[in-house]
Amino acid sequence: MFGRRSRGNDAAKALLSANPHNDLALFIVGHAASEQTRKEMVDWLKEKYPKVKVLALNLPHSQLHNADYNATQNGPENWLPFVSTV
């Protein structure tokens, strides 16, 4: 959603910090960035929005253990059930 590199994380953090939201239920972290960049984003989201769930979309055989939910990025049928539960 916010880019492939850490600058995408910086843009996301700036956007979210400038517009605080109290009614959010779910963040979705895409699969395109490096695992470290994605992990850093999940950690930041969990710190700033502790009640909001995080769904990580991953390449096959990959997971972000700090996310609340993990799904393979092979199509919405793999991750849409997580969204519907939140």
PDB file of N, CA and C in Angstrom:
ATOM      1  N   MET A   1       0.811  -1.187   0.000  1.00  0.00           N
ATOM      2  CA  MET A   1       0.000   0.000   0.000  1.00  0.00           C
ATOM      3  C   MET A   1       0.860   1.257   0.000  1.00  0.00           C
ATOM      4  N   PHE A   2       1.938   1.274   0.738  1.00  0.00           N
ATOM      5  CA  PHE A   2       2.738   2.476   0.866  1.00  0.00           C
ATOM      6  C   PHE A   2       4.109   2.360   0.216  1.00  0.00           C
ATOM      7  N   GLY A   3       4.366   1.343  -0.544  1.00  0.00           N
ATOM      8  CA  GLY A   3       5.644   1.261  -1.224  1.00  0.00           C
ATOM      9  C   GLY A   3       6.423   0.024  -0.871  1.00  0.00           C
ATOM     10  N   ARG A   4       7.502  -0.182  -1.607  1.00  0.00           N
ATOM     11  CA  ARG A   4       8.263  -1.413  -1.471  1.00  0.00           C
ATOM     12  C   ARG A   4       9.418  -1.301  -0.494  1.00  0.00           C
ATOM     13  N   ARG A   5       9.892  -0.122  -0.196  1.00  0.00           N
ATOM     14  CA  ARG A   5      11.047   0.023   0.683  1.00  0.00           C
ATOM     15  C   ARG A   5      10.660   0.727   1.967  1.00  0.00           C
ATOM     16  N   SER A   6      11.624   0.926   2.826  1.00  0.00           N
ATOM     17  CA  SER A   6      11.340   1.545   4.119  1.00  0.00           C
ATOM     18  C   SER A   6      10.779   2.944   3.966  1.00  0.00           C
ATOM     19  N   ARG A   7      11.054   3.608   2.859  1.00  0.00           N
ATOM     20  CA  ARG A   7      10.454   4.937   2.683  1.00  0.00           C
ATOM     21  C   ARG A   7       8.942   4.821   2.626  1.00  0.00           C
ATOM     22  N   GLY A   8       8.451   3.660   2.211  1.00  0.00           N
ATOM     23  CA  GLY A   8       7.015   3.405   2.266  1.00  0.00           C
ATOM     24  C   GLY A   8       6.538   3.376   3.708  1.00  0.00           C
ATOM     25  N   ASN A   9       7.336   2.777   4.587  1.00  0.00           N
ATOM     26  CA  ASN A   9       7.006   2.793   6.006  1.00  0.00           C
ATOM     27  C   ASN A   9       6.981   4.221   6.524  1.00  0.00           C
ATOM     28  N   ASP A  10       7.951   5.014   6.129  1.00  0.00           N
ATOM     29  CA  ASP A  10       8.009   6.401   6.578  1.00  0.00           C
ATOM     30  C   ASP A  10       6.777   7.173   6.115  1.00  0.00           C
ATOM     31  N   ALA A  11       6.358   6.965   4.885  1.00  0.00           N
ATOM     32  CA  ALA A  11       5.170   7.639   4.363  1.00  0.00           C
ATOM     33  C   ALA A  11       3.918   7.190   5.116  1.00  0.00           C
ATOM     34  N   ALA A  12       3.816   5.903   5.393  1.00  0.00           N
ATOM     35  CA  ALA A  12       2.666   5.389   6.135  1.00  0.00           C
ATOM     36  C   ALA A  12       2.634   5.967   7.541  1.00  0.00           C
ATOM     37  N   LYS A  13       3.775   5.978   8.204  1.00  0.00           N
ATOM     38  CA  LYS A  13       3.841   6.518   9.564  1.00  0.00           C
ATOM     39  C   LYS A  13       3.464   7.997   9.588  1.00  0.00           C
ATOM     40  N   ALA A  14       3.954   8.762   8.619  1.00  0.00           N
ATOM     41  CA  ALA A  14       3.630  10.193   8.556  1.00  0.00           C
ATOM     42  C   ALA A  14       2.133  10.391   8.335  1.00  0.00           C
ATOM     43  N   LEU A  15       1.570   9.642   7.419  1.00  0.00           N
ATOM     44  CA  LEU A  15       0.146   9.760   7.128  1.00  0.00           C
ATOM     45  C   LEU A  15      -0.699   9.397   8.346  1.00  0.00           C
ATOM     46  N   LEU A  16      -0.379   8.291   8.982  1.00  0.00           N
ATOM     47  CA  LEU A  16      -1.148   7.862  10.145  1.00  0.00           C
ATOM     48  C   LEU A  16      -0.957   8.788  11.337  1.00  0.00           C
ATOM     49  N   SER A  17       0.239   9.313  11.519  1.00  0.00           N
ATOM     50  CA  SER A  17       0.503  10.224  12.637  1.00  0.00           C
ATOM     51  C   SER A  17      -0.198  11.563  12.448  1.00  0.00           C
ATOM     52  N   ALA A  18      -0.314  12.000  11.202  1.00  0.00           N
ATOM     53  CA  ALA A  18      -0.953  13.291  10.912  1.00  0.00           C
ATOM     54  C   ALA A  18      -2.470  13.219  11.029  1.00  0.00           C
ATOM     55  N   ASN A  19      -3.014  12.040  10.877  1.00  0.00           N
ATOM     56  CA  ASN A  19      -4.463  11.857  10.909  1.00  0.00           C
ATOM     57  C   ASN A  19      -4.820  10.727  11.861  1.00  0.00           C
ATOM     58  N   PRO A  20      -4.799  11.001  13.169  1.00  0.00           N
ATOM     59  CA  PRO A  20      -5.069   9.924  14.116  1.00  0.00           C
ATOM     60  C   PRO A  20      -6.479   9.349  13.917  1.00  0.00           C
ATOM     61  N   HIS A  21      -6.545   8.049  13.964  1.00  0.00           N
ATOM     62  CA  HIS A  21      -7.816   7.349  13.795  1.00  0.00           C
ATOM     63  C   HIS A  21      -8.057   6.501  15.031  1.00  0.00           C
ATOM     64  N   ASN A  22      -9.227   6.631  15.600  1.00  0.00           N
ATOM     65  CA  ASN A  22      -9.548   5.839  16.774  1.00  0.00           C
ATOM     66  C   ASN A  22     -10.515   4.703  16.463  1.00  0.00           C
ATOM     67  N   ASP A  23     -11.003   4.649  15.237  1.00  0.00           N
ATOM     68  CA  ASP A  23     -12.018   3.666  14.901  1.00  0.00           C
ATOM     69  C   ASP A  23     -11.500   2.583  13.956  1.00  0.00           C
ATOM     70  N   LEU A  24     -10.193   2.457  13.829  1.00  0.00           N
ATOM     71  CA  LEU A  24      -9.630   1.465  12.927  1.00  0.00           C
ATOM     72  C   LEU A  24      -9.743   0.065  13.526  1.00  0.00           C
ATOM     73  N   ALA A  25      -9.960  -0.926  12.664  1.00  0.00           N
ATOM     74  CA  ALA A  25     -10.081  -2.299  13.129  1.00  0.00           C
ATOM     75  C   ALA A  25      -8.976  -3.198  12.603  1.00  0.00           C
ATOM     76  N   LEU A  26      -8.382  -2.841  11.435  1.00  0.00           N
ATOM     77  CA  LEU A  26      -7.444  -3.739  10.799  1.00  0.00           C
ATOM     78  C   LEU A  26      -6.466  -2.980   9.914  1.00  0.00           C
ATOM     79  N   PHE A  27      -5.197  -3.358  10.003  1.00  0.00           N
ATOM     80  CA  PHE A  27      -4.174  -2.909   9.059  1.00  0.00           C
ATOM     81  C   PHE A  27      -3.758  -4.114   8.233  1.00  0.00           C
ATOM     82  N   ILE A  28      -3.525  -3.897   6.954  1.00  0.00           N
ATOM     83  CA  ILE A  28      -3.026  -4.955   6.081  1.00  0.00           C
ATOM     84  C   ILE A  28      -1.644  -4.546   5.604  1.00  0.00           C
ATOM     85  N   VAL A  29      -0.652  -5.387   5.874  1.00  0.00           N
ATOM     86  CA  VAL A  29       0.724  -5.150   5.453  1.00  0.00           C
ATOM     87  C   VAL A  29       0.990  -6.046   4.244  1.00  0.00           C
ATOM     88  N   GLY A  30       1.346  -5.428   3.130  1.00  0.00           N
ATOM     89  CA  GLY A  30       1.561  -6.160   1.892  1.00  0.00           C
ATOM     90  C   GLY A  30       2.836  -6.988   1.896  1.00  0.00           C
ATOM     91  N   HIS A  31       3.031  -7.718   0.827  1.00  0.00           N
ATOM     92  CA  HIS A  31       4.139  -8.675   0.735  1.00  0.00           C
ATOM     93  C   HIS A  31       5.361  -8.159  -0.011  1.00  0.00           C
ATOM     94  N   ALA A  32       5.283  -6.991  -0.651  1.00  0.00           N
ATOM     95  CA  ALA A  32       6.326  -6.570  -1.583  1.00  0.00           C
ATOM     96  C   ALA A  32       7.626  -6.111  -0.924  1.00  0.00           C
ATOM     97  N   ALA A  33       7.559  -5.547   0.256  1.00  0.00           N
ATOM     98  CA  ALA A  33       8.773  -5.038   0.904  1.00  0.00           C
ATOM     99  C   ALA A  33       9.566  -6.193   1.521  1.00  0.00           C
ATOM    100  N   SER A  34      10.769  -5.895   1.949  1.00  0.00           N
ATOM    101  CA  SER A  34      11.590  -6.920   2.601  1.00  0.00           C
ATOM    102  C   SER A  34      10.948  -7.339   3.918  1.00  0.00           C
ATOM    103  N   GLU A  35      11.308  -8.511   4.387  1.00  0.00           N
ATOM    104  CA  GLU A  35      10.747  -9.008   5.645  1.00  0.00           C
ATOM    105  C   GLU A  35      11.079  -8.057   6.799  1.00  0.00           C
ATOM    106  N   GLN A  36      12.283  -7.523   6.834  1.00  0.00           N
ATOM    107  CA  GLN A  36      12.675  -6.596   7.901  1.00  0.00           C
ATOM    108  C   GLN A  36      11.833  -5.323   7.860  1.00  0.00           C
ATOM    109  N   THR A  37      11.615  -4.774   6.679  1.00  0.00           N
ATOM    110  CA  THR A  37      10.802  -3.567   6.535  1.00  0.00           C
ATOM    111  C   THR A  37       9.372  -3.833   6.987  1.00  0.00           C
ATOM    112  N   ARG A  38       8.843  -4.976   6.595  1.00  0.00           N
ATOM    113  CA  ARG A  38       7.485  -5.341   6.975  1.00  0.00           C
ATOM    114  C   ARG A  38       7.381  -5.565   8.480  1.00  0.00           C
ATOM    115  N   LYS A  39       8.384  -6.221   9.068  1.00  0.00           N
ATOM    116  CA  LYS A  39       8.396  -6.447  10.516  1.00  0.00           C
ATOM    117  C   LYS A  39       8.431  -5.121  11.276  1.00  0.00           C
ATOM    118  N   GLU A  40       9.262  -4.194  10.815  1.00  0.00           N
ATOM    119  CA  GLU A  40       9.337  -2.882  11.450  1.00  0.00           C
ATOM    120  C   GLU A  40       7.986  -2.169  11.396  1.00  0.00           C
ATOM    121  N   MET A  41       7.293  -2.287  10.281  1.00  0.00           N
ATOM    122  CA  MET A  41       5.994  -1.638  10.152  1.00  0.00           C
ATOM    123  C   MET A  41       4.979  -2.268  11.097  1.00  0.00           C
ATOM    124  N   VAL A  42       4.965  -3.584  11.173  1.00  0.00           N
ATOM    125  CA  VAL A  42       4.040  -4.255  12.087  1.00  0.00           C
ATOM    126  C   VAL A  42       4.333  -3.848  13.528  1.00  0.00           C
ATOM    127  N   ASP A  43       5.600  -3.814  13.909  1.00  0.00           N
ATOM    128  CA  ASP A  43       5.967  -3.403  15.268  1.00  0.00           C
ATOM    129  C   ASP A  43       5.485  -1.986  15.551  1.00  0.00           C
ATOM    130  N   TRP A  44       5.665  -1.075  14.601  1.00  0.00           N
ATOM    131  CA  TRP A  44       5.236   0.313  14.789  1.00  0.00           C
ATOM    132  C   TRP A  44       3.718   0.388  14.918  1.00  0.00           C
ATOM    133  N   LEU A  45       3.007  -0.318  14.064  1.00  0.00           N
ATOM    134  CA  LEU A  45       1.543  -0.317  14.123  1.00  0.00           C
ATOM    135  C   LEU A  45       1.054  -0.854  15.460  1.00  0.00           C
ATOM    136  N   LYS A  46       1.659  -1.946  15.934  1.00  0.00           N
ATOM    137  CA  LYS A  46       1.239  -2.541  17.204  1.00  0.00           C
ATOM    138  C   LYS A  46       1.517  -1.600  18.377  1.00  0.00           C
ATOM    139  N   GLU A  47       2.590  -0.822  18.268  1.00  0.00           N
ATOM    140  CA  GLU A  47       2.908   0.143  19.328  1.00  0.00           C
ATOM    141  C   GLU A  47       1.920   1.308  19.329  1.00  0.00           C
ATOM    142  N   LYS A  48       1.649   1.859  18.163  1.00  0.00           N
ATOM    143  CA  LYS A  48       0.789   3.042  18.064  1.00  0.00           C
ATOM    144  C   LYS A  48      -0.695   2.716  18.155  1.00  0.00           C
ATOM    145  N   TYR A  49      -1.073   1.554  17.709  1.00  0.00           N
ATOM    146  CA  TYR A  49      -2.479   1.143  17.678  1.00  0.00           C
ATOM    147  C   TYR A  49      -2.607  -0.254  18.298  1.00  0.00           C
ATOM    148  N   PRO A  50      -2.419  -0.379  19.611  1.00  0.00           N
ATOM    149  CA  PRO A  50      -2.359  -1.702  20.241  1.00  0.00           C
ATOM    150  C   PRO A  50      -3.646  -2.518  20.126  1.00  0.00           C
ATOM    151  N   LYS A  51      -4.772  -1.880  19.931  1.00  0.00           N
ATOM    152  CA  LYS A  51      -6.039  -2.610  19.844  1.00  0.00           C
ATOM    153  C   LYS A  51      -6.388  -3.032  18.421  1.00  0.00           C
ATOM    154  N   VAL A  52      -5.671  -2.504  17.449  1.00  0.00           N
ATOM    155  CA  VAL A  52      -5.966  -2.794  16.047  1.00  0.00           C
ATOM    156  C   VAL A  52      -5.234  -4.064  15.624  1.00  0.00           C
ATOM    157  N   LYS A  53      -5.920  -4.932  14.906  1.00  0.00           N
ATOM    158  CA  LYS A  53      -5.326  -6.174  14.409  1.00  0.00           C
ATOM    159  C   LYS A  53      -4.516  -5.900  13.141  1.00  0.00           C
ATOM    160  N   VAL A  54      -3.480  -6.711  12.917  1.00  0.00           N
ATOM    161  CA  VAL A  54      -2.619  -6.575  11.740  1.00  0.00           C
ATOM    162  C   VAL A  54      -2.633  -7.893  10.975  1.00  0.00           C
ATOM    163  N   LEU A  55      -2.957  -7.797   9.693  1.00  0.00           N
ATOM    164  CA  LEU A  55      -2.925  -8.932   8.776  1.00  0.00           C
ATOM    165  C   LEU A  55      -1.731  -8.758   7.856  1.00  0.00           C
ATOM    166  N   ALA A  56      -0.842  -9.733   7.836  1.00  0.00           N
ATOM    167  CA  ALA A  56       0.322  -9.700   6.951  1.00  0.00           C
ATOM    168  C   ALA A  56       0.054 -10.594   5.745  1.00  0.00           C
ATOM    169  N   LEU A  57       0.173 -10.016   4.558  1.00  0.00           N
ATOM    170  CA  LEU A  57       0.080 -10.781   3.321  1.00  0.00           C
ATOM    171  C   LEU A  57       1.490 -11.208   2.965  1.00  0.00           C
ATOM    172  N   ASN A  58       1.695 -12.502   2.798  1.00  0.00           N
ATOM    173  CA  ASN A  58       3.041 -13.055   2.660  1.00  0.00           C
ATOM    174  C   ASN A  58       3.216 -13.848   1.375  1.00  0.00           C
ATOM    175  N   LEU A  59       4.469 -13.978   0.994  1.00  0.00           N
ATOM    176  CA  LEU A  59       4.819 -14.917  -0.059  1.00  0.00           C
ATOM    177  C   LEU A  59       4.661 -16.326   0.510  1.00  0.00           C
ATOM    178  N   PRO A  60       4.510 -17.349  -0.334  1.00  0.00           N
ATOM    179  CA  PRO A  60       4.396 -18.710   0.186  1.00  0.00           C
ATOM    180  C   PRO A  60       5.565 -19.063   1.112  1.00  0.00           C
ATOM    181  N   HIS A  61       5.260 -19.793   2.155  1.00  0.00           N
ATOM    182  CA  HIS A  61       6.253 -20.283   3.124  1.00  0.00           C
ATOM    183  C   HIS A  61       6.907 -19.155   3.921  1.00  0.00           C
ATOM    184  N   SER A  62       6.203 -18.057   4.093  1.00  0.00           N
ATOM    185  CA  SER A  62       6.727 -16.923   4.847  1.00  0.00           C
ATOM    186  C   SER A  62       5.642 -16.434   5.801  1.00  0.00           C
ATOM    187  N   GLN A  63       6.053 -15.941   6.972  1.00  0.00           N
ATOM    188  CA  GLN A  63       5.123 -15.372   7.943  1.00  0.00           C
ATOM    189  C   GLN A  63       5.810 -14.270   8.720  1.00  0.00           C
ATOM    190  N   LEU A  64       5.009 -13.335   9.211  1.00  0.00           N
ATOM    191  CA  LEU A  64       5.485 -12.328  10.159  1.00  0.00           C
ATOM    192  C   LEU A  64       4.893 -12.703  11.507  1.00  0.00           C
ATOM    193  N   HIS A  65       5.714 -13.195  12.395  1.00  0.00           N
ATOM    194  CA  HIS A  65       5.226 -13.730  13.656  1.00  0.00           C
ATOM    195  C   HIS A  65       4.662 -12.661  14.584  1.00  0.00           C
ATOM    196  N   ASN A  66       4.988 -11.403  14.346  1.00  0.00           N
ATOM    197  CA  ASN A  66       4.464 -10.339  15.199  1.00  0.00           C
ATOM    198  C   ASN A  66       3.106  -9.825  14.713  1.00  0.00           C
ATOM    199  N   ALA A  67       2.628 -10.292  13.560  1.00  0.00           N
ATOM    200  CA  ALA A  67       1.300  -9.920  13.065  1.00  0.00           C
ATOM    201  C   ALA A  67       0.244 -10.783  13.753  1.00  0.00           C
ATOM    202  N   ASP A  68      -0.971 -10.259  13.822  1.00  0.00           N
ATOM    203  CA  ASP A  68      -2.063 -11.032  14.416  1.00  0.00           C
ATOM    204  C   ASP A  68      -2.520 -12.158  13.491  1.00  0.00           C
ATOM    205  N   TYR A  69      -2.498 -11.879  12.188  1.00  0.00           N
ATOM    206  CA  TYR A  69      -2.925 -12.850  11.192  1.00  0.00           C
ATOM    207  C   TYR A  69      -1.902 -12.883  10.068  1.00  0.00           C
ATOM    208  N   ASN A  70      -1.711 -14.044   9.469  1.00  0.00           N
ATOM    209  CA  ASN A  70      -0.840 -14.220   8.315  1.00  0.00           C
ATOM    210  C   ASN A  70      -1.613 -14.959   7.242  1.00  0.00           C
ATOM    211  N   ALA A  71      -1.463 -14.525   6.008  1.00  0.00           N
ATOM    212  CA  ALA A  71      -2.107 -15.192   4.883  1.00  0.00           C
ATOM    213  C   ALA A  71      -1.181 -15.112   3.679  1.00  0.00           C
ATOM    214  N   THR A  72      -1.307 -16.100   2.803  1.00  0.00           N
ATOM    215  CA  THR A  72      -0.519 -16.110   1.577  1.00  0.00           C
ATOM    216  C   THR A  72      -1.136 -15.148   0.573  1.00  0.00           C
ATOM    217  N   GLN A  73      -0.299 -14.371  -0.090  1.00  0.00           N
ATOM    218  CA  GLN A  73      -0.732 -13.372  -1.060  1.00  0.00           C
ATOM    219  C   GLN A  73      -0.965 -14.045  -2.415  1.00  0.00           C
ATOM    220  N   ASN A  74      -1.866 -14.985  -2.487  1.00  0.00           N
ATOM    221  CA  ASN A  74      -2.148 -15.662  -3.745  1.00  0.00           C
ATOM    222  C   ASN A  74      -3.539 -15.347  -4.255  1.00  0.00           C
ATOM    223  N   GLY A  75      -4.211 -14.442  -3.623  1.00  0.00           N
ATOM    224  CA  GLY A  75      -5.566 -14.086  -4.012  1.00  0.00           C
ATOM    225  C   GLY A  75      -6.419 -13.853  -2.783  1.00  0.00           C
ATOM    226  N   PRO A  76      -7.485 -13.139  -2.951  1.00  0.00           N
ATOM    227  CA  PRO A  76      -8.300 -12.744  -1.795  1.00  0.00           C
ATOM    228  C   PRO A  76      -8.920 -13.912  -1.043  1.00  0.00           C
ATOM    229  N   GLU A  77      -9.093 -15.047  -1.685  1.00  0.00           N
ATOM    230  CA  GLU A  77      -9.683 -16.185  -0.973  1.00  0.00           C
ATOM    231  C   GLU A  77      -8.800 -16.641   0.185  1.00  0.00           C
ATOM    232  N   ASN A  78      -7.523 -16.311   0.164  1.00  0.00           N
ATOM    233  CA  ASN A  78      -6.602 -16.685   1.244  1.00  0.00           C
ATOM    234  C   ASN A  78      -6.631 -15.720   2.414  1.00  0.00           C
ATOM    235  N   TRP A  79      -6.952 -14.456   2.178  1.00  0.00           N
ATOM    236  CA  TRP A  79      -6.905 -13.492   3.269  1.00  0.00           C
ATOM    237  C   TRP A  79      -8.241 -12.846   3.595  1.00  0.00           C
ATOM    238  N   LEU A  80      -9.205 -12.928   2.715  1.00  0.00           N
ATOM    239  CA  LEU A  80     -10.501 -12.305   2.971  1.00  0.00           C
ATOM    240  C   LEU A  80     -11.207 -12.870   4.211  1.00  0.00           C
ATOM    241  N   PRO A  81     -11.079 -14.155   4.518  1.00  0.00           N
ATOM    242  CA  PRO A  81     -11.702 -14.647   5.756  1.00  0.00           C
ATOM    243  C   PRO A  81     -11.198 -13.932   7.013  1.00  0.00           C
ATOM    244  N   PHE A  82      -9.927 -13.552   7.048  1.00  0.00           N
ATOM    245  CA  PHE A  82      -9.412 -12.801   8.202  1.00  0.00           C
ATOM    246  C   PHE A  82     -10.075 -11.441   8.295  1.00  0.00           C
ATOM    247  N   VAL A  83     -10.225 -10.787   7.156  1.00  0.00           N
ATOM    248  CA  VAL A  83     -10.856  -9.459   7.134  1.00  0.00           C
ATOM    249  C   VAL A  83     -12.295  -9.556   7.615  1.00  0.00           C
ATOM    250  N   SER A  84     -13.002 -10.563   7.184  1.00  0.00           N
ATOM    251  CA  SER A  84     -14.416 -10.679   7.558  1.00  0.00           C
ATOM    252  C   SER A  84     -14.599 -10.960   9.043  1.00  0.00           C
ATOM    253  N   THR A  85     -13.605 -11.557   9.708  1.00  0.00           N
ATOM    254  CA  THR A  85     -13.744 -11.813  11.141  1.00  0.00           C
ATOM    255  C   THR A  85     -13.513 -10.560  11.973  1.00  0.00           C
ATOM    256  N   VAL A  86     -12.770  -9.613  11.428  1.00  0.00           N
ATOM    257  CA  VAL A  86     -12.490  -8.374  12.165  1.00  0.00           C
ATOM    258  C   VAL A  86     -13.635  -7.421  11.951  1.00  0.00           C
TER     259      VAL A  86
END
